[in-house]
Amino acid sequence: MRENRKNNELREIKFTKNYTKHAYGSVLVEFGDTKVITTASVEEGKPKWMDKDDNRGWLTAEYSLLPSSTNTRCQRERTKISGRTQEIQRLIGRSLRACVDLTKIPDLTITIDADVIQADGGTSVQLPEQIHDVAISTNYIPDGMTWTDEDHLQYTAQNGGFTFSSVLLDSDDFEKAKEDKNIVESEEHTFGKYEGVYLRYHEVIQDGFFNQRIYLFCPEEYRVITIYVGDDVSKEDALKVADNLQITEKDTMIETAGMYTWSDIVSPEEVQGDEVVTSISADRLPVAEVGEKVDLTASGEDKDGNYADNIPIQATVDSVQITDDLQLLNGQIPEEWEDAVGEDGKLKENTISYIREGDGVNTLDEVVKTKTEQQKLVYTTVTYTNTSDQEADHILYLGSLMMCHNDGSTYKVYTPCEEAGDGYDRCTWDGAARTGEMKYSSVTENYGNGGNYIPSLKPGESIQISMAWIVNESDLKEMYLNLNGTGASYQFDDEILANGIIDIRQN
């Protein structure tokens, strides 16, 4: 913060070298009352995603705003790293790699750790460790609409309407709300006692698109409320609903460290990272066949109720079935698939729209062609076996479908809706086909977040689980199954490189 300084006067800057004794290099950096301890560590080897023939080493960075570095104690980021933290540490890493010759450090990894021990200034909002959960309601409901649940206000038997969500207000940089692409209307507005902005997006697909959005900034509640508004709602009604919004604090307290933040919303491109690996040589990726045993590790609890994240598990894909209906699910239809079947009992065709992207400012996205494609159910059975000598409870399991081009020498992950071609940059569709996330599984213990838990397995005990996805027929020939607990669908992470994937392609 500036105290008794002219506008063109810098804070006092001080560097204290060799501030700690164990690191290869260390410095205490002081900009006025902002103090940062920065250290450099050196390790043998380089990340697994780097090609073994690459003669470069690697330099990366980690950043942390430590507790008590601010007026109000900030929560230590243990399980979830905020978008702001990721943004800063990736900026440090990229900046340093831009000026370091990595060929001078072959087969080495240098990690820069920057820990803020005292912060003084910036745009971040100081947050308590816990805040009240909130309920959202409105004193104005458009004619014909009802609440379908606490987050959705809709017309009867119709998608669209209003969807309400909230994220943690971690930054007062509100101008970024208006920097989205393909905005055709932007209006700052006071909604009741809250300041906010109304946005209308270019509606490239004229069917059920949420083409309006309202952000309300609520500092007293430490929230940004986002209202997604469908194209079946007039602007007048959208503004009235927001004008009459009521935010009520509940008795329940929630940890701020586990919440999604405003930074996560307005800076998604900065969260992607530059270490994401989507292409790998075939000789570096273990690929198993149907019927082949694969050794994995899973998380769960031991018989005493203690958390364990390294439980030895063996998995075998027993079978893969492809059908054009949902009869194999025995009536246990996921909510997202309830409208996927037509009157004939078969999966509906998927209408795919191919889109040429504009820059979002001077030119807008446009549909250049459409086609229909049959949807298929992919139904697999997988046997899990506890290969440890201890009983394990509440074992998390996850099957993620990956689409990979394989030319014999390289595996390349692709996202069907982001595939580009002649004259188009991406595509979208109106069907239920969603590769990646496991929507159906037969063994459901609702323990923790979701129902994909195995209740218990004794040493040597096995259980068979069915999993299912809906995909476009053209993707059947490029399907692989990731049974590692990370759930990765669109990148090769460390667990995949260590344990591999299963080839379930259907020609």
Protein backbone atom coordinates (compact mmCIF):
# COMPACT_ATOMS: atom_id res chain seq x y z
CA MET A 1 0.00 0.00 0.00
CA ARG A 2 1.15 3.57 -0.67
CA GLU A 3 1.74 5.62 2.45
CA ASN A 4 3.44 9.02 2.31
CA ARG A 5 4.78 8.29 -1.17
CA LYS A 6 4.41 10.26 -4.36
CA ASN A 7 2.57 8.67 -7.30
CA ASN A 8 5.87 8.14 -9.14
CA GLU A 9 7.74 6.90 -6.05
CA LEU A 10 8.45 3.17 -5.69
CA ARG A 11 8.32 1.27 -2.45
CA GLU A 12 11.69 0.46 -0.92
CA ILE A 13 13.07 -2.70 -2.53
CA LYS A 14 15.45 -5.03 -0.68
CA PHE A 15 16.99 -8.44 -1.46
CA THR A 16 18.59 -10.61 1.22
CA LYS A 17 20.51 -13.46 -0.42
CA ASN A 18 21.11 -16.91 1.10
CA TYR A 19 18.21 -16.39 3.48
CA THR A 20 17.82 -20.11 4.23
CA LYS A 21 20.62 -22.65 4.51
CA HIS A 22 19.21 -25.86 2.98
CA ALA A 23 18.04 -24.66 -0.44
CA TYR A 24 20.39 -24.52 -3.43
CA GLY A 25 19.52 -20.84 -3.61
CA SER A 26 17.33 -18.55 -1.53
CA VAL A 27 16.42 -14.90 -1.17
CA LEU A 28 14.11 -12.78 0.97
CA VAL A 29 12.49 -10.24 -1.34
CA GLU A 30 10.95 -7.10 0.18
CA PHE A 31 8.84 -4.53 -1.67
CA GLY A 32 7.92 -2.15 1.12
CA ASP A 33 6.00 -4.25 3.63
CA THR A 34 5.46 -7.11 1.19
CA LYS A 35 7.90 -9.91 2.03
CA VAL A 36 8.41 -13.08 -0.02
CA ILE A 37 10.77 -15.99 0.71
CA THR A 38 11.94 -17.52 -2.56
CA THR A 39 13.97 -20.74 -2.75
CA ALA A 40 15.33 -22.93 -5.53
CA SER A 41 15.46 -26.73 -5.26
CA VAL A 42 17.20 -29.09 -7.70
CA GLU A 43 16.12 -32.69 -8.32
CA GLU A 44 17.50 -35.41 -10.55
CA GLY A 45 15.25 -36.27 -13.50
CA LYS A 46 12.56 -34.37 -15.35
CA PRO A 47 8.75 -34.67 -15.66
CA LYS A 48 7.41 -37.91 -17.13
CA TRP A 49 5.55 -36.04 -19.86
CA MET A 50 8.83 -34.78 -21.39
CA ASP A 51 10.26 -36.92 -24.17
CA LYS A 52 13.18 -39.03 -22.99
CA ASP A 53 15.22 -37.86 -25.99
CA ASP A 54 14.66 -34.20 -25.14
CA ASN A 55 18.02 -32.76 -24.05
CA ARG A 56 16.41 -30.09 -21.90
CA GLY A 57 15.74 -30.04 -18.20
CA TRP A 58 12.75 -28.35 -16.63
CA LEU A 59 12.05 -25.33 -14.44
CA THR A 60 8.76 -24.88 -12.66
CA ALA A 61 7.36 -22.81 -9.79
CA GLU A 62 4.99 -23.04 -6.85
CA TYR A 63 3.44 -20.06 -5.09
CA SER A 64 1.64 -19.74 -1.80
CA LEU A 65 0.08 -16.96 0.26
CA LEU A 66 0.82 -18.22 3.76
CA PRO A 67 -1.59 -17.98 6.72
CA SER A 68 -1.22 -14.73 8.71
CA SER A 69 0.44 -13.01 5.76
CA THR A 70 -2.69 -10.85 5.56
CA ASN A 71 -4.85 -8.98 8.08
CA THR A 72 -7.29 -11.89 8.21
CA ARG A 73 -5.75 -15.38 8.27
CA CYS A 74 -6.04 -16.93 4.81
CA GLN A 75 -6.68 -20.66 4.56
CA ARG A 76 -3.81 -22.93 3.66
CA GLU A 77 -4.46 -24.41 0.17
CA ARG A 78 -4.19 -28.12 0.86
CA THR A 79 -6.68 -29.88 -1.42
CA LYS A 80 -7.68 -27.25 -3.97
CA ILE A 81 -5.46 -24.58 -5.49
CA SER A 82 -7.33 -21.41 -6.39
CA GLY A 83 -7.32 -19.97 -9.87
CA ARG A 84 -5.39 -16.94 -8.63
CA THR A 85 -2.66 -19.14 -7.11
CA GLN A 86 -2.38 -21.19 -10.29
CA GLU A 87 -2.23 -18.02 -12.35
CA ILE A 88 0.64 -16.59 -10.30
CA GLN A 89 2.77 -19.72 -10.09
CA ARG A 90 2.41 -20.46 -13.79
CA LEU A 91 3.35 -16.88 -14.60
CA ILE A 92 6.52 -17.29 -12.49
CA GLY A 93 7.41 -20.55 -14.22
CA ARG A 94 6.79 -19.26 -17.74
CA SER A 95 8.71 -16.05 -17.10
CA LEU A 96 11.76 -17.88 -15.78
CA ARG A 97 11.72 -20.51 -18.55
CA ALA A 98 11.68 -17.70 -21.10
CA CYS A 99 15.09 -16.50 -19.90
CA VAL A 100 16.75 -19.80 -18.92
CA ASP A 101 18.56 -22.09 -21.34
CA LEU A 102 17.06 -25.44 -20.31
CA THR A 103 19.68 -27.33 -22.33
CA LYS A 104 22.21 -26.30 -19.67
CA ILE A 105 20.35 -28.38 -17.06
CA PRO A 106 19.71 -31.72 -18.84
CA ASP A 107 17.88 -34.36 -16.77
CA LEU A 108 17.36 -31.89 -13.91
CA THR A 109 14.26 -30.21 -12.53
CA ILE A 110 14.55 -26.85 -10.76
CA THR A 111 11.58 -25.87 -8.60
CA ILE A 112 11.16 -22.27 -7.49
CA ASP A 113 9.07 -21.87 -4.33
CA ALA A 114 7.71 -18.38 -3.65
CA ASP A 115 5.99 -18.06 -0.27
CA VAL A 116 4.45 -14.75 0.73
CA ILE A 117 5.00 -14.30 4.48
CA GLN A 118 3.61 -10.75 4.55
CA ALA A 119 1.31 -9.16 1.95
CA ASP A 120 0.71 -5.45 1.57
CA GLY A 121 -1.41 -4.42 -1.41
CA GLY A 122 -3.09 -6.03 -4.39
CA THR A 123 -6.67 -6.58 -5.59
CA SER A 124 -7.40 -9.80 -3.76
CA VAL A 125 -10.21 -9.88 -1.19
CA GLN A 126 -9.26 -10.95 2.31
CA LEU A 127 -11.46 -13.85 3.28
CA PRO A 128 -12.35 -15.59 6.52
CA GLU A 129 -11.69 -19.30 6.88
CA GLN A 130 -15.43 -20.05 6.98
CA ILE A 131 -18.52 -18.33 5.63
CA HIS A 132 -22.23 -19.05 5.84
CA ASP A 133 -23.86 -21.17 3.19
CA VAL A 134 -26.59 -19.22 1.41
CA ALA A 135 -30.03 -19.80 -0.07
CA ILE A 136 -31.06 -17.87 -3.19
CA SER A 137 -34.66 -16.85 -3.91
CA THR A 138 -36.52 -14.07 -5.70
CA ASN A 139 -39.66 -12.07 -4.99
CA TYR A 140 -40.49 -11.97 -8.71
CA ILE A 141 -41.31 -15.16 -10.61
CA PRO A 142 -42.37 -14.87 -14.28
CA ASP A 143 -45.81 -16.27 -15.17
CA GLY A 144 -45.72 -20.01 -15.80
CA MET A 145 -42.43 -20.61 -13.99
CA THR A 146 -41.80 -22.71 -10.89
CA TRP A 147 -38.78 -23.71 -8.81
CA THR A 148 -37.75 -27.25 -9.89
CA ASP A 149 -35.08 -27.31 -7.18
CA GLU A 150 -33.18 -24.70 -5.16
CA ASP A 151 -30.99 -23.77 -8.15
CA HIS A 152 -33.43 -23.85 -11.08
CA LEU A 153 -36.44 -21.66 -11.94
CA GLN A 154 -38.08 -22.98 -15.13
CA TYR A 155 -41.20 -23.18 -17.24
CA THR A 156 -43.04 -26.48 -16.81
CA ALA A 157 -41.60 -29.40 -18.83
CA GLN A 158 -39.08 -27.17 -20.55
CA ASN A 159 -35.35 -26.65 -20.32
CA GLY A 160 -33.94 -23.17 -20.09
CA GLY A 161 -35.27 -20.66 -17.57
CA PHE A 162 -32.92 -19.61 -14.78
CA THR A 163 -30.00 -21.43 -13.20
CA PHE A 164 -28.43 -19.87 -10.08
CA SER A 165 -24.95 -20.51 -8.76
CA SER A 166 -22.42 -18.76 -6.57
CA VAL A 167 -18.64 -18.61 -6.30
CA LEU A 168 -16.28 -17.11 -3.77
CA LEU A 169 -15.52 -13.42 -4.22
CA ASP A 170 -11.71 -13.59 -4.10
CA SER A 171 -10.94 -10.52 -6.23
CA ASP A 172 -12.49 -7.11 -6.84
CA ASP A 173 -11.47 -7.15 -10.51
CA PHE A 174 -15.03 -6.94 -11.81
CA GLU A 175 -14.14 -5.57 -15.26
CA LYS A 176 -13.21 -9.07 -16.39
CA ALA A 177 -16.90 -9.96 -16.35
CA LYS A 178 -17.30 -7.96 -19.55
CA GLU A 179 -14.31 -9.45 -21.35
CA ASP A 180 -16.04 -12.67 -22.45
CA LYS A 181 -16.11 -13.30 -26.19
CA ASN A 182 -19.23 -13.25 -28.36
CA ILE A 183 -21.01 -10.68 -26.20
CA VAL A 184 -23.54 -8.67 -28.21
CA GLU A 185 -24.97 -6.67 -25.31
CA SER A 186 -23.43 -5.52 -22.02
CA GLU A 187 -25.14 -3.36 -19.41
CA GLU A 188 -23.99 -2.42 -15.91
CA HIS A 189 -26.91 -2.41 -13.51
CA THR A 190 -27.82 -2.05 -9.85
CA PHE A 191 -29.88 -5.10 -8.82
CA GLY A 192 -31.55 -4.24 -5.54
CA LYS A 193 -28.66 -3.52 -3.20
CA TYR A 194 -26.09 -5.33 -5.38
CA GLU A 195 -23.99 -3.99 -8.24
CA GLY A 196 -23.73 -6.19 -11.27
CA VAL A 197 -23.68 -6.60 -15.03
CA TYR A 198 -26.11 -8.04 -17.58
CA LEU A 199 -24.62 -9.82 -20.62
CA ARG A 200 -26.22 -11.21 -23.77
CA TYR A 201 -24.24 -13.66 -25.89
CA HIS A 202 -24.42 -14.40 -29.60
CA GLU A 203 -26.76 -17.38 -29.94
CA VAL A 204 -25.00 -19.59 -32.45
CA ILE A 205 -27.41 -22.52 -31.84
CA GLN A 206 -31.05 -21.44 -31.71
CA ASP A 207 -32.36 -24.08 -29.32
CA GLY A 208 -32.35 -23.93 -25.56
CA PHE A 209 -29.18 -21.88 -25.34
CA PHE A 210 -28.41 -19.94 -22.16
CA ASN A 211 -27.68 -16.76 -24.09
CA GLN A 212 -27.98 -14.33 -21.15
CA ARG A 213 -25.99 -14.01 -17.97
CA ILE A 214 -26.13 -11.78 -14.91
CA TYR A 215 -23.33 -11.36 -12.39
CA LEU A 216 -24.17 -9.87 -8.99
CA PHE A 217 -21.31 -8.83 -6.72
CA CYS A 218 -22.15 -9.40 -3.06
CA PRO A 219 -19.18 -8.47 -0.84
CA GLU A 220 -21.11 -8.78 2.42
CA GLU A 221 -21.81 -12.42 1.58
CA TYR A 222 -18.33 -12.94 0.04
CA ARG A 223 -20.05 -14.13 -3.13
CA VAL A 224 -20.48 -13.52 -6.81
CA ILE A 225 -23.94 -14.76 -7.77
CA THR A 226 -24.20 -15.96 -11.36
CA ILE A 227 -27.60 -16.21 -13.02
CA TYR A 228 -27.64 -18.19 -16.28
CA VAL A 229 -30.69 -17.18 -18.30
CA GLY A 230 -32.15 -19.20 -21.19
CA ASP A 231 -33.27 -17.85 -24.54
CA ASP A 232 -36.87 -18.58 -23.51
CA VAL A 233 -36.71 -15.68 -21.01
CA SER A 234 -37.08 -12.02 -21.98
CA LYS A 235 -34.50 -9.50 -20.88
CA GLU A 236 -37.21 -7.65 -18.94
CA ASP A 237 -38.04 -10.76 -16.90
CA ALA A 238 -34.36 -11.56 -16.39
CA LEU A 239 -33.70 -8.11 -14.92
CA LYS A 240 -36.81 -8.27 -12.71
CA VAL A 241 -35.79 -11.63 -11.26
CA ALA A 242 -32.31 -10.27 -10.46
CA ASP A 243 -33.72 -6.98 -9.09
CA ASN A 244 -35.80 -8.96 -6.61
CA LEU A 245 -33.13 -11.48 -5.65
CA GLN A 246 -32.93 -12.47 -1.99
CA ILE A 247 -29.79 -13.99 -0.48
CA THR A 248 -30.37 -15.61 2.90
CA GLU A 249 -27.57 -16.92 5.08
CA LYS A 250 -28.02 -20.44 6.44
CA ASP A 251 -26.75 -21.72 9.78
CA THR A 252 -24.38 -24.08 7.95
CA MET A 253 -20.77 -22.89 7.68
CA ILE A 254 -18.52 -23.86 4.77
CA GLU A 255 -14.76 -23.70 4.31
CA THR A 256 -13.68 -20.98 1.86
CA ALA A 257 -10.63 -23.06 0.87
CA GLY A 258 -12.87 -25.60 -0.84
CA MET A 259 -14.95 -23.16 -2.89
CA TYR A 260 -14.67 -22.22 -6.54
CA THR A 261 -13.70 -18.60 -6.95
CA TRP A 262 -14.38 -15.58 -9.12
CA SER A 263 -10.86 -16.04 -10.51
CA ASP A 264 -11.81 -19.55 -11.65
CA ILE A 265 -14.70 -18.07 -13.65
CA VAL A 266 -13.09 -15.05 -15.31
CA SER A 267 -9.63 -16.55 -15.99
CA PRO A 268 -10.28 -20.11 -17.24
CA GLU A 269 -7.54 -19.94 -19.83
CA GLU A 270 -4.99 -19.32 -17.13
CA VAL A 271 -6.04 -22.44 -15.23
CA GLN A 272 -5.26 -24.79 -18.09
CA GLY A 273 -1.51 -24.80 -17.54
CA ASP A 274 1.31 -25.46 -19.93
CA GLU A 275 2.18 -28.93 -18.64
CA VAL A 276 -0.92 -30.66 -20.02
CA VAL A 277 0.16 -33.63 -22.15
CA THR A 278 -2.21 -34.68 -24.93
CA SER A 279 0.24 -36.54 -27.17
CA ILE A 280 2.66 -39.30 -26.22
CA SER A 281 4.81 -41.79 -28.07
CA ALA A 282 3.35 -45.29 -28.13
CA ASP A 283 6.37 -46.87 -26.42
CA ARG A 284 5.80 -44.70 -23.31
CA LEU A 285 2.12 -45.54 -22.75
CA PRO A 286 1.11 -48.89 -21.21
CA VAL A 287 -1.99 -50.18 -23.02
CA ALA A 288 -3.85 -53.24 -21.77
CA GLU A 289 -6.41 -55.37 -23.61
CA VAL A 290 -9.86 -56.54 -22.53
CA GLY A 291 -9.38 -59.46 -20.13
CA GLU A 292 -5.89 -58.35 -19.07
CA LYS A 293 -5.19 -57.60 -15.39
CA VAL A 294 -4.04 -54.04 -14.56
CA ASP A 295 -2.43 -53.06 -11.25
CA LEU A 296 -3.73 -49.78 -9.80
CA THR A 297 -3.85 -47.90 -6.52
CA ALA A 298 -7.05 -46.51 -5.03
CA SER A 299 -8.10 -44.30 -2.14
CA GLY A 300 -10.37 -45.38 0.68
CA GLU A 301 -10.18 -46.25 4.37
CA ASP A 302 -8.56 -49.04 6.35
CA LYS A 303 -10.54 -51.19 8.79
CA ASP A 304 -9.89 -48.61 11.55
CA GLY A 305 -11.43 -45.79 9.52
CA ASN A 306 -8.14 -44.09 8.65
CA TYR A 307 -7.81 -42.53 5.21
CA ALA A 308 -5.58 -44.46 2.79
CA ASP A 309 -4.61 -43.22 -0.67
CA ASN A 310 -2.40 -46.08 -1.86
CA ILE A 311 -4.55 -49.22 -1.69
CA PRO A 312 -3.29 -51.91 -4.12
CA ILE A 313 -6.15 -52.79 -6.49
CA GLN A 314 -6.23 -54.99 -9.57
CA ALA A 315 -8.73 -54.23 -12.33
CA THR A 316 -9.81 -56.32 -15.31
CA VAL A 317 -12.18 -55.24 -18.07
CA ASP A 318 -14.28 -58.37 -18.55
CA SER A 319 -16.46 -57.30 -21.46
CA VAL A 320 -17.52 -54.40 -23.67
CA GLN A 321 -21.01 -54.27 -25.18
CA ILE A 322 -22.33 -51.76 -27.71
CA THR A 323 -26.08 -51.24 -28.02
CA ASP A 324 -28.48 -48.70 -29.53
CA ASP A 325 -30.79 -48.67 -26.49
CA LEU A 326 -30.55 -48.50 -22.68
CA GLN A 327 -31.97 -51.92 -21.78
CA LEU A 328 -28.69 -53.07 -20.21
CA LEU A 329 -29.16 -50.46 -17.48
CA ASN A 330 -32.22 -52.30 -16.13
CA GLY A 331 -34.21 -49.12 -15.67
CA GLN A 332 -31.47 -47.28 -13.72
CA ILE A 333 -31.33 -44.38 -16.17
CA PRO A 334 -29.16 -41.36 -15.24
CA GLU A 335 -31.13 -38.12 -15.20
CA GLU A 336 -29.06 -36.73 -18.07
CA TRP A 337 -30.15 -39.64 -20.28
CA GLU A 338 -33.89 -39.61 -19.61
CA ASP A 339 -34.63 -37.89 -22.94
CA ALA A 340 -32.00 -39.80 -24.94
CA VAL A 341 -34.39 -42.55 -26.12
CA GLY A 342 -37.07 -42.05 -28.77
CA GLU A 343 -40.57 -43.53 -29.01
CA ASP A 344 -39.15 -46.63 -30.70
CA GLY A 345 -37.02 -47.38 -27.62
CA LYS A 346 -33.78 -46.65 -29.48
CA LEU A 347 -31.24 -43.95 -28.78
CA LYS A 348 -32.02 -40.81 -30.74
CA GLU A 349 -29.80 -39.49 -33.48
CA ASN A 350 -27.39 -36.73 -32.54
CA THR A 351 -27.52 -33.51 -34.57
CA ILE A 352 -23.99 -32.14 -34.80
CA SER A 353 -23.37 -28.48 -35.68
CA TYR A 354 -19.94 -27.50 -37.00
CA ILE A 355 -18.92 -23.99 -35.99
CA ARG A 356 -16.44 -21.54 -37.45
CA GLU A 357 -15.24 -19.30 -34.63
CA GLY A 358 -15.01 -15.55 -34.86
CA ASP A 359 -12.74 -13.44 -32.70
CA GLY A 360 -15.68 -12.72 -30.41
CA VAL A 361 -15.35 -8.97 -30.88
CA ASN A 362 -15.37 -8.07 -34.59
CA THR A 363 -16.70 -11.39 -35.88
CA LEU A 364 -19.03 -13.90 -34.24
CA ASP A 365 -19.23 -17.68 -34.29
CA GLU A 366 -21.33 -19.21 -37.08
CA VAL A 367 -22.59 -22.67 -38.02
CA VAL A 368 -21.10 -23.76 -41.35
CA LYS A 369 -22.69 -27.24 -41.61
CA THR A 370 -24.71 -29.83 -39.72
CA LYS A 371 -25.08 -33.62 -39.81
CA THR A 372 -26.80 -36.37 -37.85
CA GLU A 373 -25.09 -39.35 -36.28
CA GLN A 374 -26.37 -42.37 -34.40
CA GLN A 375 -25.68 -42.53 -30.68
CA LYS A 376 -24.50 -45.74 -29.02
CA LEU A 377 -24.37 -47.04 -25.47
CA VAL A 378 -20.96 -48.30 -24.38
CA TYR A 379 -21.45 -50.79 -21.53
CA THR A 380 -18.45 -52.35 -19.79
CA THR A 381 -18.04 -54.78 -16.91
CA VAL A 382 -14.95 -54.40 -14.74
CA THR A 383 -13.74 -56.67 -11.93
CA TYR A 384 -11.85 -55.03 -9.05
CA THR A 385 -9.76 -57.15 -6.68
CA ASN A 386 -8.16 -56.10 -3.40
CA THR A 387 -4.57 -57.32 -3.81
CA SER A 388 -3.40 -56.00 -0.43
CA ASP A 389 -3.22 -57.95 2.82
CA GLN A 390 -5.62 -55.55 4.57
CA GLU A 391 -9.36 -55.01 4.38
CA ALA A 392 -10.28 -51.72 2.66
CA ASP A 393 -13.55 -49.77 2.96
CA HIS A 394 -15.20 -47.00 0.92
CA ILE A 395 -12.92 -47.55 -2.07
CA LEU A 396 -13.24 -44.85 -4.71
CA TYR A 397 -13.43 -46.16 -8.28
CA LEU A 398 -13.71 -44.24 -11.52
CA GLY A 399 -13.89 -45.13 -15.18
CA SER A 400 -13.18 -42.33 -17.65
CA LEU A 401 -13.57 -42.74 -21.39
CA MET A 402 -10.72 -41.35 -23.49
CA MET A 403 -10.74 -40.75 -27.24
CA CYS A 404 -7.31 -41.29 -28.75
CA HIS A 405 -5.98 -41.19 -32.29
CA ASN A 406 -3.37 -43.95 -32.63
CA ASP A 407 -1.20 -43.91 -35.74
CA GLY A 408 1.01 -46.77 -34.52
CA SER A 409 3.76 -44.59 -33.10
CA THR A 410 1.82 -41.93 -31.18
CA TYR A 411 -1.30 -41.64 -29.04
CA LYS A 412 -3.08 -38.30 -29.24
CA VAL A 413 -6.04 -37.49 -27.01
CA TYR A 414 -8.84 -35.52 -28.56
CA THR A 415 -12.10 -33.98 -27.42
CA PRO A 416 -14.80 -34.75 -30.00
CA CYS A 417 -16.53 -31.39 -29.64
CA GLU A 418 -13.23 -29.54 -30.09
CA GLU A 419 -12.08 -31.36 -33.19
CA ALA A 420 -11.37 -28.95 -36.06
CA GLY A 421 -11.60 -29.60 -39.80
CA ASP A 422 -11.92 -27.99 -43.17
CA GLY A 423 -13.80 -24.76 -42.58
CA TYR A 424 -14.73 -25.29 -38.94
CA ASP A 425 -13.04 -24.93 -35.55
CA ARG A 426 -15.27 -26.95 -33.22
CA CYS A 427 -18.61 -28.65 -33.05
CA THR A 428 -21.51 -29.03 -30.69
CA TRP A 429 -24.51 -31.33 -30.55
CA ASP A 430 -27.94 -31.71 -29.01
CA GLY A 431 -27.74 -35.39 -28.05
CA ALA A 432 -26.75 -37.15 -24.83
CA ALA A 433 -23.35 -38.31 -26.11
CA ARG A 434 -20.77 -37.14 -23.61
CA THR A 435 -17.46 -38.89 -23.68
CA GLY A 436 -15.29 -38.88 -20.62
CA GLU A 437 -17.31 -38.68 -17.43
CA MET A 438 -18.81 -41.94 -16.11
CA LYS A 439 -22.57 -41.29 -15.97
CA TYR A 440 -23.67 -44.81 -15.00
CA SER A 441 -22.19 -47.34 -12.60
CA SER A 442 -23.86 -50.33 -11.00
CA VAL A 443 -22.22 -50.29 -7.56
CA THR A 444 -23.23 -47.17 -5.67
CA GLU A 445 -22.28 -46.38 -2.13
CA ASN A 446 -22.98 -42.70 -1.55
CA TYR A 447 -19.92 -41.98 0.53
CA GLY A 448 -18.30 -38.57 0.24
CA ASN A 449 -18.86 -36.80 -3.06
CA GLY A 450 -20.92 -39.07 -5.27
CA GLY A 451 -21.91 -42.69 -5.28
CA ASN A 452 -18.93 -44.33 -7.01
CA TYR A 453 -17.55 -46.14 -3.97
CA ILE A 454 -17.08 -49.84 -3.27
CA PRO A 455 -18.35 -50.42 0.29
CA SER A 456 -15.71 -52.95 1.33
CA LEU A 457 -13.23 -55.53 0.02
CA LYS A 458 -11.36 -58.07 2.11
CA PRO A 459 -7.87 -59.20 1.01
CA GLY A 460 -8.22 -61.17 -2.22
CA GLU A 461 -11.93 -60.34 -2.52
CA SER A 462 -13.35 -59.18 -5.88
CA ILE A 463 -16.40 -57.28 -7.08
CA GLN A 464 -17.75 -56.79 -10.60
CA ILE A 465 -18.96 -53.34 -11.60
CA SER A 466 -20.75 -52.17 -14.74
CA MET A 467 -20.06 -48.74 -16.23
CA ALA A 468 -21.66 -46.99 -19.20
CA TRP A 469 -21.34 -43.98 -21.47
CA ILE A 470 -23.23 -42.66 -24.52
CA VAL A 471 -21.03 -41.77 -27.48
CA ASN A 472 -21.30 -40.89 -31.14
CA GLU A 473 -21.01 -43.98 -33.35
CA SER A 474 -17.93 -42.58 -35.15
CA ASP A 475 -16.01 -42.51 -31.86
CA LEU A 476 -16.35 -46.24 -31.18
CA LYS A 477 -13.17 -47.01 -33.08
CA GLU A 478 -11.02 -44.75 -30.89
CA MET A 479 -12.15 -45.51 -27.33
CA TYR A 480 -9.83 -46.23 -24.43
CA LEU A 481 -10.72 -46.62 -20.76
CA ASN A 482 -8.86 -44.92 -17.92
CA LEU A 483 -9.46 -46.72 -14.61
CA ASN A 484 -7.02 -44.60 -12.61
CA GLY A 485 -8.63 -42.59 -9.85
CA THR A 486 -7.73 -39.21 -11.33
CA GLY A 487 -10.58 -39.34 -13.83
CA ALA A 488 -8.46 -37.84 -16.61
CA SER A 489 -10.22 -37.94 -19.99
CA TYR A 490 -8.39 -35.40 -22.10
CA GLN A 491 -4.74 -35.60 -21.03
CA PHE A 492 -2.04 -38.12 -20.13
CA ASP A 493 -1.34 -37.50 -16.44
CA ASP A 494 1.33 -39.17 -14.30
CA GLU A 495 -1.02 -41.96 -13.18
CA ILE A 496 -1.89 -42.88 -16.76
CA LEU A 497 1.77 -42.92 -17.77
CA ALA A 498 2.53 -45.20 -14.81
CA ASN A 499 -0.45 -47.59 -14.98
CA GLY A 500 -1.75 -47.19 -18.52
CA ILE A 501 -5.17 -47.36 -20.17
CA ILE A 502 -7.32 -50.17 -21.58
CA ASP A 503 -8.04 -50.58 -25.30
CA ILE A 504 -11.83 -51.00 -25.72
CA ARG A 505 -12.05 -49.88 -29.35
CA GLN A 506 -14.82 -51.28 -31.50
CA ASN A 507 -14.33 -51.48 -35.26
